[in-house]
Amino acid sequence: MKTFKLFPLLGIFLLWSCEDYGQLLKIQHLPATMKEVSGMEKFPGSEMIWMINDSGNENVLYGLKPGETTLKDIEINNAENKDWEDLAWDTSDYLYIGDFGNNRNKRDDLVIYKVKNPEKITSEEITAEKISFRLEDQTEFPPKRKHRNFDIEAFAHLNGNLYLFTKNRSSKSNGVSKIYRLPDVPGKHKAKLIGEFQSCKETSCRITAASVSEDQKKLILLTNKSLYVITDFKGDDFAGGKIKHLEFSHNSQKESVCFKDSTSLYLTDEQSAGRGGNLYEFRIN
């Protein structure tokens, strides 16, 4: 199988702008059920935000309208929450749940659950289709510590494919997030390595979530302390697009992002040591 890396990156860095956009606009403190939000998405034209919690929590989708406290709960009855990490949506009205968290880089049972838009579901549970996969370049479970770049906490859907972004946990991390492509079709697959995205080398720069805009022309990659807005990419050459780097004024455990509209995002951070656990709005224009 042919793979490629999206280099040279030094020229791309020259296109980046780095700005401090001040405090995030806090919308609300999330209900207690949502202390560990690891992914969220919103379908275009809807007010409802769908959220998931990460490992050790229920196999449940939670729907929340900003400013409200009542959650809509939908159980995925054929799924286990081994380590749910992100949500993605597509233009055919499907939602994808990424059970691919792999902190120790030893999982060989990665799966994405595919369900119809849960806002249109009247029951309290649903059966999902399963997209099972392995990463084509992982041969050891786990690999040596210096090669542990197989944890995935971010993905997005574009043009019939799911794009996965790794959270680099290698002992000598160089800030590289690997990019994999996977068809959105249920069954068993190998995720193809198609490129890399370069962030800074600090642990706070690891990629934790992703989202695509309604017009499919903007890709967001989130970290704990900043986000990357990627535009003008061709096909899936994301690292070849224009990249704008926007920093937050505070560092917290931010693990989920989605578009509110074409110019604004919703973000959450996990609650830890009495801080976080909030829903925020953040303007990118």
C-alpha atoms as a PDB file:
ATOM      1  CA  MET A   1       0.000   0.000   0.000  1.00  0.00           C
ATOM      2  CA  LYS A   2       1.247   3.455  -0.860  1.00  0.00           C
ATOM      3  CA  THR A   3       1.647   5.969   1.938  1.00  0.00           C
ATOM      4  CA  PHE A   4       3.013   9.470   1.934  1.00  0.00           C
ATOM      5  CA  LYS A   5       4.030  12.202   4.336  1.00  0.00           C
ATOM      6  CA  LEU A   6       2.985  15.790   3.935  1.00  0.00           C
ATOM      7  CA  PHE A   7       6.347  17.571   3.941  1.00  0.00           C
ATOM      8  CA  PRO A   8       8.170  19.911   3.918  1.00  0.00           C
ATOM      9  CA  LEU A   9       6.395  21.487   6.857  1.00  0.00           C
ATOM     10  CA  LEU A  10       8.756  24.396   7.471  1.00  0.00           C
ATOM     11  CA  GLY A  11       7.240  26.344   4.604  1.00  0.00           C
ATOM     12  CA  ILE A  12       3.783  25.633   5.963  1.00  0.00           C
ATOM     13  CA  PHE A  13       4.703  27.052   9.367  1.00  0.00           C
ATOM     14  CA  LEU A  14       5.342  30.387   7.676  1.00  0.00           C
ATOM     15  CA  LEU A  15       1.641  30.542   6.782  1.00  0.00           C
ATOM     16  CA  TRP A  16       0.583  30.220  10.405  1.00  0.00           C
ATOM     17  CA  SER A  17      -0.542  33.116  12.502  1.00  0.00           C
ATOM     18  CA  CYS A  18      -0.574  32.840  16.282  1.00  0.00           C
ATOM     19  CA  GLU A  19      -2.930  35.068  18.228  1.00  0.00           C
ATOM     20  CA  ASP A  20      -4.267  35.207  21.785  1.00  0.00           C
ATOM     21  CA  TYR A  21      -8.042  35.491  21.585  1.00  0.00           C
ATOM     22  CA  GLY A  22      -8.478  36.054  25.324  1.00  0.00           C
ATOM     23  CA  GLN A  23     -10.937  34.225  27.525  1.00  0.00           C
ATOM     24  CA  LEU A  24     -13.379  31.756  26.088  1.00  0.00           C
ATOM     25  CA  LEU A  25     -16.996  32.838  26.467  1.00  0.00           C
ATOM     26  CA  LYS A  26     -18.426  30.544  29.131  1.00  0.00           C
ATOM     27  CA  ILE A  27     -21.986  29.525  28.317  1.00  0.00           C
ATOM     28  CA  GLN A  28     -22.655  27.246  31.264  1.00  0.00           C
ATOM     29  CA  HIS A  29     -21.309  24.704  33.687  1.00  0.00           C
ATOM     30  CA  LEU A  30     -22.244  21.278  32.388  1.00  0.00           C
ATOM     31  CA  PRO A  31     -24.535  18.906  34.280  1.00  0.00           C
ATOM     32  CA  ALA A  32     -22.757  16.539  36.674  1.00  0.00           C
ATOM     33  CA  THR A  33     -23.267  13.639  34.270  1.00  0.00           C
ATOM     34  CA  MET A  34     -20.945  15.373  31.798  1.00  0.00           C
ATOM     35  CA  LYS A  35     -17.794  15.788  33.903  1.00  0.00           C
ATOM     36  CA  GLU A  36     -15.619  13.946  31.375  1.00  0.00           C
ATOM     37  CA  VAL A  37     -16.814  15.088  27.968  1.00  0.00           C
ATOM     38  CA  SER A  38     -14.421  13.666  25.388  1.00  0.00           C
ATOM     39  CA  GLY A  39     -16.282  14.478  22.175  1.00  0.00           C
ATOM     40  CA  MET A  40     -19.182  16.484  20.811  1.00  0.00           C
ATOM     41  CA  GLU A  41     -20.883  17.382  17.534  1.00  0.00           C
ATOM     42  CA  LYS A  42     -23.811  19.406  16.248  1.00  0.00           C
ATOM     43  CA  PHE A  43     -25.722  18.834  13.028  1.00  0.00           C
ATOM     44  CA  PRO A  44     -26.152  21.919  10.806  1.00  0.00           C
ATOM     45  CA  GLY A  45     -29.415  23.757  11.444  1.00  0.00           C
ATOM     46  CA  SER A  46     -29.925  22.180  14.864  1.00  0.00           C
ATOM     47  CA  GLU A  47     -29.508  23.669  18.333  1.00  0.00           C
ATOM     48  CA  MET A  48     -28.802  20.298  19.942  1.00  0.00           C
ATOM     49  CA  ILE A  49     -25.210  19.404  20.819  1.00  0.00           C
ATOM     50  CA  TRP A  50     -24.423  15.688  21.152  1.00  0.00           C
ATOM     51  CA  MET A  51     -21.782  14.671  23.676  1.00  0.00           C
ATOM     52  CA  ILE A  52     -20.032  11.572  24.985  1.00  0.00           C
ATOM     53  CA  ASN A  53     -17.962  10.801  28.069  1.00  0.00           C
ATOM     54  CA  ASP A  54     -14.699   8.892  27.853  1.00  0.00           C
ATOM     55  CA  SER A  55     -13.576   5.531  29.273  1.00  0.00           C
ATOM     56  CA  GLY A  56     -15.211   4.179  32.398  1.00  0.00           C
ATOM     57  CA  ASN A  57     -18.533   5.869  31.645  1.00  0.00           C
ATOM     58  CA  GLU A  58     -21.826   4.737  30.149  1.00  0.00           C
ATOM     59  CA  ASN A  59     -22.315   3.783  26.490  1.00  0.00           C
ATOM     60  CA  VAL A  60     -24.688   6.713  26.096  1.00  0.00           C
ATOM     61  CA  LEU A  61     -25.088   9.700  23.794  1.00  0.00           C
ATOM     62  CA  TYR A  62     -26.164  12.884  25.568  1.00  0.00           C
ATOM     63  CA  GLY A  63     -28.037  15.690  23.832  1.00  0.00           C
ATOM     64  CA  LEU A  64     -27.961  19.193  25.281  1.00  0.00           C
ATOM     65  CA  LYS A  65     -29.272  22.544  24.083  1.00  0.00           C
ATOM     66  CA  PRO A  66     -26.894  25.330  25.183  1.00  0.00           C
ATOM     67  CA  GLY A  67     -28.156  27.163  28.250  1.00  0.00           C
ATOM     68  CA  GLU A  68     -30.351  24.255  29.343  1.00  0.00           C
ATOM     69  CA  THR A  69     -29.622  21.547  31.921  1.00  0.00           C
ATOM     70  CA  THR A  70     -31.900  18.736  30.760  1.00  0.00           C
ATOM     71  CA  LEU A  71     -30.123  16.012  28.814  1.00  0.00           C
ATOM     72  CA  LYS A  72     -31.553  13.678  26.184  1.00  0.00           C
ATOM     73  CA  ASP A  73     -30.029  10.238  26.770  1.00  0.00           C
ATOM     74  CA  ILE A  74     -29.735   7.542  24.115  1.00  0.00           C
ATOM     75  CA  GLU A  75     -28.046   4.237  24.927  1.00  0.00           C
ATOM     76  CA  ILE A  76     -26.048   2.453  22.217  1.00  0.00           C
ATOM     77  CA  ASN A  77     -27.251  -1.032  23.110  1.00  0.00           C
ATOM     78  CA  ASN A  78     -24.630  -3.036  21.219  1.00  0.00           C
ATOM     79  CA  ALA A  79     -21.616  -0.973  22.290  1.00  0.00           C
ATOM     80  CA  GLU A  80     -19.188  -0.811  25.176  1.00  0.00           C
ATOM     81  CA  ASN A  81     -17.483   2.414  26.147  1.00  0.00           C
ATOM     82  CA  LYS A  82     -13.921   1.121  26.246  1.00  0.00           C
ATOM     83  CA  ASP A  83     -12.563   4.585  25.493  1.00  0.00           C
ATOM     84  CA  TRP A  84     -14.939   6.839  23.558  1.00  0.00           C
ATOM     85  CA  GLU A  85     -12.965   9.877  22.435  1.00  0.00           C
ATOM     86  CA  ASP A  86     -14.714  11.905  19.721  1.00  0.00           C
ATOM     87  CA  LEU A  87     -17.826  12.350  17.579  1.00  0.00           C
ATOM     88  CA  ALA A  88     -18.159  13.144  13.878  1.00  0.00           C
ATOM     89  CA  TRP A  89     -21.096  13.866  11.585  1.00  0.00           C
ATOM     90  CA  ASP A  90     -21.693  13.467   7.857  1.00  0.00           C
ATOM     91  CA  THR A  91     -23.908  15.119   5.265  1.00  0.00           C
ATOM     92  CA  SER A  92     -26.071  11.978   5.033  1.00  0.00           C
ATOM     93  CA  ASP A  93     -27.333  12.561   8.583  1.00  0.00           C
ATOM     94  CA  TYR A  94     -25.188   9.995  10.392  1.00  0.00           C
ATOM     95  CA  LEU A  95     -23.269  10.392  13.628  1.00  0.00           C
ATOM     96  CA  TYR A  96     -20.058   8.473  14.341  1.00  0.00           C
ATOM     97  CA  ILE A  97     -18.752   7.527  17.805  1.00  0.00           C
ATOM     98  CA  GLY A  98     -15.013   6.910  17.986  1.00  0.00           C
ATOM     99  CA  ASP A  99     -14.092   4.155  20.438  1.00  0.00           C
ATOM    100  CA  PHE A 100     -10.398   4.380  19.656  1.00  0.00           C
ATOM    101  CA  GLY A 101      -8.751   5.843  22.736  1.00  0.00           C
ATOM    102  CA  ASN A 102      -5.496   3.946  23.108  1.00  0.00           C
ATOM    103  CA  ASN A 103      -3.413   5.588  25.839  1.00  0.00           C
ATOM    104  CA  ARG A 104      -1.056   2.641  26.226  1.00  0.00           C
ATOM    105  CA  ASN A 105      -0.961   1.922  22.473  1.00  0.00           C
ATOM    106  CA  LYS A 106      -1.872  -1.731  23.021  1.00  0.00           C
ATOM    107  CA  ARG A 107      -5.439  -1.981  21.665  1.00  0.00           C
ATOM    108  CA  ASP A 108      -6.153  -4.050  18.560  1.00  0.00           C
ATOM    109  CA  ASP A 109      -9.944  -3.763  18.834  1.00  0.00           C
ATOM    110  CA  LEU A 110     -10.562  -0.197  17.623  1.00  0.00           C
ATOM    111  CA  VAL A 111     -14.109   0.546  16.482  1.00  0.00           C
ATOM    112  CA  ILE A 112     -16.315   3.404  15.303  1.00  0.00           C
ATOM    113  CA  TYR A 113     -20.056   3.177  15.893  1.00  0.00           C
ATOM    114  CA  LYS A 114     -22.334   4.611  13.198  1.00  0.00           C
ATOM    115  CA  VAL A 115     -25.890   5.735  14.021  1.00  0.00           C
ATOM    116  CA  LYS A 116     -28.553   7.853  12.386  1.00  0.00           C
ATOM    117  CA  ASN A 117     -28.945  11.421  13.622  1.00  0.00           C
ATOM    118  CA  PRO A 118     -29.983  10.779  17.249  1.00  0.00           C
ATOM    119  CA  GLU A 119     -32.159  13.901  17.290  1.00  0.00           C
ATOM    120  CA  LYS A 120     -34.577  12.015  15.056  1.00  0.00           C
ATOM    121  CA  ILE A 121     -34.702   8.957  17.306  1.00  0.00           C
ATOM    122  CA  THR A 122     -37.743   8.668  19.578  1.00  0.00           C
ATOM    123  CA  SER A 123     -36.610   5.653  21.621  1.00  0.00           C
ATOM    124  CA  GLU A 124     -34.135   5.674  24.495  1.00  0.00           C
ATOM    125  CA  GLU A 125     -31.781   3.193  22.848  1.00  0.00           C
ATOM    126  CA  ILE A 126     -30.431   2.380  19.412  1.00  0.00           C
ATOM    127  CA  THR A 127     -28.386  -0.328  17.724  1.00  0.00           C
ATOM    128  CA  ALA A 128     -25.310   0.963  15.911  1.00  0.00           C
ATOM    129  CA  GLU A 129     -23.464  -0.273  12.845  1.00  0.00           C
ATOM    130  CA  LYS A 130     -19.807  -1.080  13.518  1.00  0.00           C
ATOM    131  CA  ILE A 131     -16.709   0.027  11.628  1.00  0.00           C
ATOM    132  CA  SER A 132     -13.915  -2.132  13.080  1.00  0.00           C
ATOM    133  CA  PHE A 133     -10.347  -1.332  12.133  1.00  0.00           C
ATOM    134  CA  ARG A 134      -6.628  -1.580  12.782  1.00  0.00           C
ATOM    135  CA  LEU A 135      -3.932   0.937  11.976  1.00  0.00           C
ATOM    136  CA  GLU A 136      -1.938  -0.326   9.012  1.00  0.00           C
ATOM    137  CA  ASP A 137       1.485   0.570  10.430  1.00  0.00           C
ATOM    138  CA  GLN A 138       1.029  -0.746  13.979  1.00  0.00           C
ATOM    139  CA  THR A 139       2.594  -4.202  14.400  1.00  0.00           C
ATOM    140  CA  GLU A 140       3.368  -4.221  18.132  1.00  0.00           C
ATOM    141  CA  PHE A 141       0.813  -3.934  20.961  1.00  0.00           C
ATOM    142  CA  PRO A 142       2.258  -1.932  22.598  1.00  0.00           C
ATOM    143  CA  PRO A 143       5.316  -0.721  20.675  1.00  0.00           C
ATOM    144  CA  LYS A 144       8.408   0.621  22.420  1.00  0.00           C
ATOM    145  CA  ARG A 145       7.775   3.843  24.315  1.00  0.00           C
ATOM    146  CA  LYS A 146       9.614   5.971  21.767  1.00  0.00           C
ATOM    147  CA  HIS A 147       7.201   4.771  19.049  1.00  0.00           C
ATOM    148  CA  ARG A 148       3.885   5.200  20.861  1.00  0.00           C
ATOM    149  CA  ASN A 149       1.972   7.373  18.408  1.00  0.00           C
ATOM    150  CA  PHE A 150      -1.125   5.197  17.969  1.00  0.00           C
ATOM    151  CA  ASP A 151      -3.534   6.769  20.460  1.00  0.00           C
ATOM    152  CA  ILE A 152      -6.452   8.424  18.635  1.00  0.00           C
ATOM    153  CA  GLU A 153      -8.639  11.085  20.231  1.00  0.00           C
ATOM    154  CA  ALA A 154      -9.777  13.085  17.183  1.00  0.00           C
ATOM    155  CA  PHE A 155     -11.546  12.388  13.910  1.00  0.00           C
ATOM    156  CA  ALA A 156     -13.759  14.018  11.291  1.00  0.00           C
ATOM    157  CA  HIS A 157     -15.829  12.921   8.295  1.00  0.00           C
ATOM    158  CA  LEU A 158     -15.212  14.283   4.808  1.00  0.00           C
ATOM    159  CA  ASN A 159     -16.232  13.027   1.343  1.00  0.00           C
ATOM    160  CA  GLY A 160     -17.148   9.495   2.349  1.00  0.00           C
ATOM    161  CA  ASN A 161     -14.125   8.945   4.575  1.00  0.00           C
ATOM    162  CA  LEU A 162     -13.237   9.248   8.234  1.00  0.00           C
ATOM    163  CA  TYR A 163      -9.946  10.983   9.038  1.00  0.00           C
ATOM    164  CA  LEU A 164      -8.216  10.020  12.286  1.00  0.00           C
ATOM    165  CA  PHE A 165      -5.593  12.131  14.074  1.00  0.00           C
ATOM    166  CA  THR A 166      -3.270  10.606  16.659  1.00  0.00           C
ATOM    167  CA  LYS A 167      -2.399  11.987  20.064  1.00  0.00           C
ATOM    168  CA  ASN A 168       1.349  11.477  20.174  1.00  0.00           C
ATOM    169  CA  ARG A 169       2.338   9.704  23.407  1.00  0.00           C
ATOM    170  CA  SER A 170       5.846   8.663  22.438  1.00  0.00           C
ATOM    171  CA  SER A 171       8.537   9.181  25.070  1.00  0.00           C
ATOM    172  CA  LYS A 172      10.428  11.522  22.747  1.00  0.00           C
ATOM    173  CA  SER A 173       7.451  13.216  21.128  1.00  0.00           C
ATOM    174  CA  ASN A 174       8.262  15.512  18.221  1.00  0.00           C
ATOM    175  CA  GLY A 175       4.754  16.967  18.101  1.00  0.00           C
ATOM    176  CA  VAL A 176       3.699  14.934  15.048  1.00  0.00           C
ATOM    177  CA  SER A 177       0.101  13.744  14.794  1.00  0.00           C
ATOM    178  CA  LYS A 178      -0.333  10.964  12.248  1.00  0.00           C
ATOM    179  CA  ILE A 179      -3.311  11.144   9.883  1.00  0.00           C
ATOM    180  CA  TYR A 180      -5.207   8.004   8.833  1.00  0.00           C
ATOM    181  CA  ARG A 181      -8.034   7.540   6.334  1.00  0.00           C
ATOM    182  CA  LEU A 182     -10.819   5.029   6.844  1.00  0.00           C
ATOM    183  CA  PRO A 183     -13.973   4.386   4.760  1.00  0.00           C
ATOM    184  CA  ASP A 184     -17.260   5.152   6.532  1.00  0.00           C
ATOM    185  CA  VAL A 185     -18.627   1.705   5.607  1.00  0.00           C
ATOM    186  CA  PRO A 186     -19.432  -0.852   8.328  1.00  0.00           C
ATOM    187  CA  GLY A 187     -17.148  -3.882   8.363  1.00  0.00           C
ATOM    188  CA  LYS A 188     -13.492  -4.643   9.091  1.00  0.00           C
ATOM    189  CA  HIS A 189     -10.826  -2.333   7.672  1.00  0.00           C
ATOM    190  CA  LYS A 190      -7.219  -1.208   7.842  1.00  0.00           C
ATOM    191  CA  ALA A 191      -6.860   2.522   8.404  1.00  0.00           C
ATOM    192  CA  LYS A 192      -4.429   3.895   5.822  1.00  0.00           C
ATOM    193  CA  LEU A 193      -1.665   6.252   6.931  1.00  0.00           C
ATOM    194  CA  ILE A 194      -1.837   9.231   4.572  1.00  0.00           C
ATOM    195  CA  GLY A 195       0.201  11.974   6.233  1.00  0.00           C
ATOM    196  CA  GLU A 196       1.212  13.912   9.304  1.00  0.00           C
ATOM    197  CA  PHE A 197       0.321  17.145  11.051  1.00  0.00           C
ATOM    198  CA  GLN A 198       2.941  19.051  13.012  1.00  0.00           C
ATOM    199  CA  SER A 199       2.083  20.806  16.261  1.00  0.00           C
ATOM    200  CA  CYS A 200       4.465  21.952  18.991  1.00  0.00           C
ATOM    201  CA  LYS A 201       6.371  19.408  21.095  1.00  0.00           C
ATOM    202  CA  GLU A 202       4.730  20.205  24.434  1.00  0.00           C
ATOM    203  CA  THR A 203       2.201  17.738  25.844  1.00  0.00           C
ATOM    204  CA  SER A 204      -0.391  20.548  25.892  1.00  0.00           C
ATOM    205  CA  CYS A 205      -0.152  20.643  22.070  1.00  0.00           C
ATOM    206  CA  ARG A 206      -1.354  17.074  21.529  1.00  0.00           C
ATOM    207  CA  ILE A 207      -4.436  16.791  19.306  1.00  0.00           C
ATOM    208  CA  THR A 208      -7.550  16.002  21.377  1.00  0.00           C
ATOM    209  CA  ALA A 209     -10.517  16.597  19.020  1.00  0.00           C
ATOM    210  CA  ALA A 210     -11.475  17.561  15.469  1.00  0.00           C
ATOM    211  CA  SER A 211     -14.469  18.926  13.584  1.00  0.00           C
ATOM    212  CA  VAL A 212     -15.445  19.968  10.043  1.00  0.00           C
ATOM    213  CA  SER A 213     -17.615  22.960   9.154  1.00  0.00           C
ATOM    214  CA  GLU A 214     -21.004  22.717   7.455  1.00  0.00           C
ATOM    215  CA  ASP A 215     -19.553  23.772   4.077  1.00  0.00           C
ATOM    216  CA  GLN A 216     -16.784  21.160   4.482  1.00  0.00           C
ATOM    217  CA  LYS A 217     -14.128  23.843   3.924  1.00  0.00           C
ATOM    218  CA  LYS A 218     -12.773  24.300   7.449  1.00  0.00           C
ATOM    219  CA  LEU A 219     -11.139  21.674   9.630  1.00  0.00           C
ATOM    220  CA  ILE A 220     -10.544  22.337  13.334  1.00  0.00           C
ATOM    221  CA  LEU A 221      -7.917  20.493  15.368  1.00  0.00           C
ATOM    222  CA  LEU A 222      -8.075  21.110  19.115  1.00  0.00           C
ATOM    223  CA  THR A 223      -5.390  20.946  21.811  1.00  0.00           C
ATOM    224  CA  ASN A 224      -5.522  21.805  25.506  1.00  0.00           C
ATOM    225  CA  LYS A 225      -4.172  25.299  24.963  1.00  0.00           C
ATOM    226  CA  SER A 226      -4.998  26.218  21.358  1.00  0.00           C
ATOM    227  CA  LEU A 227      -6.648  25.199  18.125  1.00  0.00           C
ATOM    228  CA  TYR A 228      -5.740  25.040  14.457  1.00  0.00           C
ATOM    229  CA  VAL A 229      -8.104  26.297  11.757  1.00  0.00           C
ATOM    230  CA  ILE A 230      -7.224  24.626   8.439  1.00  0.00           C
ATOM    231  CA  THR A 231      -8.672  25.992   5.189  1.00  0.00           C
ATOM    232  CA  ASP A 232      -7.945  25.881   1.445  1.00  0.00           C
ATOM    233  CA  PHE A 233      -6.882  22.237   1.600  1.00  0.00           C
ATOM    234  CA  LYS A 234      -7.275  20.082  -1.499  1.00  0.00           C
ATOM    235  CA  GLY A 235      -8.730  16.628  -1.052  1.00  0.00           C
ATOM    236  CA  ASP A 236      -7.246  15.275   2.151  1.00  0.00           C
ATOM    237  CA  ASP A 237      -3.995  17.212   1.967  1.00  0.00           C
ATOM    238  CA  PHE A 238      -4.779  18.980   5.239  1.00  0.00           C
ATOM    239  CA  ALA A 239      -1.192  19.914   6.051  1.00  0.00           C
ATOM    240  CA  GLY A 240      -0.960  21.563   2.639  1.00  0.00           C
ATOM    241  CA  GLY A 241      -3.753  24.020   3.404  1.00  0.00           C
ATOM    242  CA  LYS A 242      -3.647  27.375   5.128  1.00  0.00           C
ATOM    243  CA  ILE A 243      -3.220  26.890   8.867  1.00  0.00           C
ATOM    244  CA  LYS A 244      -4.203  29.479  11.445  1.00  0.00           C
ATOM    245  CA  HIS A 245      -3.102  28.847  15.028  1.00  0.00           C
ATOM    246  CA  LEU A 246      -5.266  30.441  17.732  1.00  0.00           C
ATOM    247  CA  GLU A 247      -4.192  30.270  21.374  1.00  0.00           C
ATOM    248  CA  PHE A 248      -6.432  30.326  24.439  1.00  0.00           C
ATOM    249  CA  SER A 249      -5.598  32.467  27.432  1.00  0.00           C
ATOM    250  CA  HIS A 250      -5.740  29.497  29.776  1.00  0.00           C
ATOM    251  CA  ASN A 251      -4.719  25.864  29.580  1.00  0.00           C
ATOM    252  CA  SER A 252      -7.269  23.250  30.652  1.00  0.00           C
ATOM    253  CA  GLN A 253      -8.224  19.728  29.631  1.00  0.00           C
ATOM    254  CA  LYS A 254     -10.088  20.622  26.446  1.00  0.00           C
ATOM    255  CA  GLU A 255     -11.162  17.468  24.656  1.00  0.00           C
ATOM    256  CA  SER A 256     -14.148  18.334  22.470  1.00  0.00           C
ATOM    257  CA  VAL A 257     -15.039  20.867  19.792  1.00  0.00           C
ATOM    258  CA  CYS A 258     -17.719  21.410  17.162  1.00  0.00           C
ATOM    259  CA  PHE A 259     -18.952  24.216  14.939  1.00  0.00           C
ATOM    260  CA  LYS A 260     -21.756  26.419  16.213  1.00  0.00           C
ATOM    261  CA  ASP A 261     -21.841  28.215  12.851  1.00  0.00           C
ATOM    262  CA  SER A 262     -19.364  29.308  10.183  1.00  0.00           C
ATOM    263  CA  THR A 263     -17.554  31.746  12.489  1.00  0.00           C
ATOM    264  CA  SER A 264     -17.946  30.250  15.989  1.00  0.00           C
ATOM    265  CA  LEU A 265     -17.189  27.026  17.814  1.00  0.00           C
ATOM    266  CA  TYR A 266     -18.424  25.239  20.903  1.00  0.00           C
ATOM    267  CA  LEU A 267     -15.772  23.728  23.184  1.00  0.00           C
ATOM    268  CA  THR A 268     -15.769  21.905  26.496  1.00  0.00           C
ATOM    269  CA  ASP A 269     -13.148  21.041  29.078  1.00  0.00           C
ATOM    270  CA  GLU A 270     -13.175  18.219  31.586  1.00  0.00           C
ATOM    271  CA  GLN A 271     -13.722  18.941  35.252  1.00  0.00           C
ATOM    272  CA  SER A 272     -10.591  18.455  37.333  1.00  0.00           C
ATOM    273  CA  ALA A 273      -9.570  19.716  40.772  1.00  0.00           C
ATOM    274  CA  GLY A 274     -12.671  21.894  40.938  1.00  0.00           C
ATOM    275  CA  ARG A 275     -11.966  23.588  37.601  1.00  0.00           C
ATOM    276  CA  GLY A 276     -13.430  23.126  34.150  1.00  0.00           C
ATOM    277  CA  GLY A 277     -16.487  21.098  33.268  1.00  0.00           C
ATOM    278  CA  ASN A 278     -17.819  23.978  31.179  1.00  0.00           C
ATOM    279  CA  LEU A 279     -19.304  24.644  27.760  1.00  0.00           C
ATOM    280  CA  TYR A 280     -17.715  27.582  25.938  1.00  0.00           C
ATOM    281  CA  GLU A 281     -18.150  29.552  22.746  1.00  0.00           C
ATOM    282  CA  PHE A 282     -15.124  30.695  20.772  1.00  0.00           C
ATOM    283  CA  ARG A 283     -15.041  32.891  17.658  1.00  0.00           C
ATOM    284  CA  ILE A 284     -12.563  31.954  14.939  1.00  0.00           C
ATOM    285  CA  ASN A 285     -13.177  35.044  12.752  1.00  0.00           C
END
